[in-house]
Protein backbone atom coordinates (compact mmCIF):
# COMPACT_ATOMS: atom_id res chain seq x y z
CA MET A 1 3.46 -11.05 -1.29
CA LEU A 2 5.30 -12.43 -4.20
CA CYS A 3 9.12 -13.13 -3.03
CA PRO A 4 11.86 -12.57 -5.85
CA ASP A 5 12.02 -16.27 -6.40
CA GLY A 6 8.73 -16.57 -7.29
CA SER A 7 7.30 -17.89 -3.76
CA LYS A 8 4.14 -16.43 -1.60
CA ALA A 9 4.50 -15.40 1.64
CA GLU A 10 2.52 -14.44 4.06
CA ALA A 11 2.54 -10.18 4.50
CA ARG A 12 0.50 -8.33 7.08
CA VAL A 13 -0.80 -5.35 6.52
CA GLU A 14 -1.45 -2.76 9.29
CA TRP A 15 -3.01 0.90 8.98
CA GLU A 16 -3.71 4.21 11.39
CA ASP A 17 -4.41 7.51 11.64
CA VAL A 18 -1.37 8.78 13.53
CA LYS A 19 -2.87 12.48 13.46
CA TYR A 20 -5.52 14.29 10.98
CA GLY A 21 -3.55 14.84 7.78
CA GLU A 22 -1.69 11.93 8.22
CA CYS A 23 -2.18 8.33 7.70
CA ARG A 24 0.79 5.40 8.49
CA VAL A 25 0.66 1.83 6.68
CA SER A 26 2.88 -0.81 7.88
CA VAL A 27 3.44 -3.71 6.00
CA THR A 28 5.43 -6.66 7.16
CA CYS A 29 6.84 -9.98 5.30
CA GLU A 30 9.42 -12.52 6.54
CA GLY A 31 11.66 -10.67 9.57
CA ARG A 32 11.23 -7.45 7.81
CA ALA A 33 8.88 -4.12 8.31
CA THR A 34 8.47 -1.16 6.05
CA GLU A 35 6.29 1.73 7.02
CA GLY A 36 4.75 4.77 4.77
CA ARG A 37 3.24 8.16 6.06
CA ARG A 38 1.16 9.92 4.21
CA ILE A 39 -2.13 12.63 3.84
CA ASP A 40 -4.02 9.43 2.62
CA TYR A 41 -3.94 5.70 2.76
CA PHE A 42 -3.32 5.12 -1.00
CA ASP A 43 -0.12 7.21 -0.94
CA ALA A 44 0.87 5.37 2.57
CA LEU A 45 0.70 1.69 1.36
CA GLU A 46 2.46 2.81 -2.03
CA GLN A 47 5.36 4.05 0.21
CA ALA A 48 5.04 0.59 2.04
CA HIS A 49 4.87 -1.23 -0.38
CA LEU A 50 7.55 0.50 -2.99
CA LEU A 51 10.51 -0.51 -0.16
CA PHE A 52 9.65 -3.99 -0.63
CA GLU A 53 9.55 -3.81 -4.76
CA ALA A 54 13.11 -2.17 -4.67
CA ASP A 55 14.50 -5.66 -3.75
CA GLY A 56 11.81 -7.67 -5.80
CA TYR A 57 9.14 -8.42 -3.70
CA ARG A 58 5.35 -8.15 -5.33
CA LEU A 59 2.19 -7.01 -2.45
CA LEU A 60 -0.56 -8.97 -3.70
CA CYS A 61 -3.59 -6.87 -3.43
CA TYR A 62 -5.52 -4.16 -4.82
CA GLY A 63 -4.32 -1.46 -4.05
CA ALA A 64 -0.75 -2.17 -5.03
CA SER A 65 -2.08 -2.87 -8.48
CA LEU A 66 -0.58 -0.90 -11.33
CA ASN A 67 -4.00 -0.01 -12.97
CA VAL A 68 -6.10 1.17 -9.55
CA PHE A 69 -6.04 4.60 -8.32
CA PRO A 70 -8.73 6.73 -5.78
CA SER A 71 -11.00 8.92 -7.40
CA GLY A 72 -10.38 12.61 -6.42
CA MET A 73 -14.09 12.31 -3.95
CA GLY A 74 -12.63 8.83 -2.26
CA ARG A 75 -9.15 10.52 -1.54
CA GLY A 76 -11.04 13.41 -0.17
CA LEU A 77 -14.14 11.57 2.04
CA ASP A 78 -12.52 8.55 2.59
CA THR A 79 -8.89 8.81 3.31
CA GLY A 80 -7.42 6.92 -0.14
CA THR A 81 -9.39 3.58 0.53
CA GLY A 82 -11.43 3.51 -1.96
CA VAL A 83 -9.79 2.65 -5.27
CA LEU A 84 -10.78 2.27 -8.59
CA PRO A 85 -10.02 0.38 -11.83
CA ILE A 86 -8.24 2.58 -14.66
CA GLN A 87 -7.60 2.03 -18.42
CA VAL A 88 -4.94 3.76 -20.46
């Protein structure tokens, strides 16, 4: 995790299937925790890390990159865990 002051801190990201059609991703860093629950892991990760970004933190992982998005097939078959870089 990139902190607002430019330093880096270790973050823990956990995921689980809550029930069919609902995935949960939790992000914990520096005593703070957020959680996202969505239809796939990509959307759940986005929901969880956007709460940190509102306070100036940036999650440093491939799935949180601005130019990464899951393919339609990846979302349907793999619950959004496989992502591809895109160029606009």
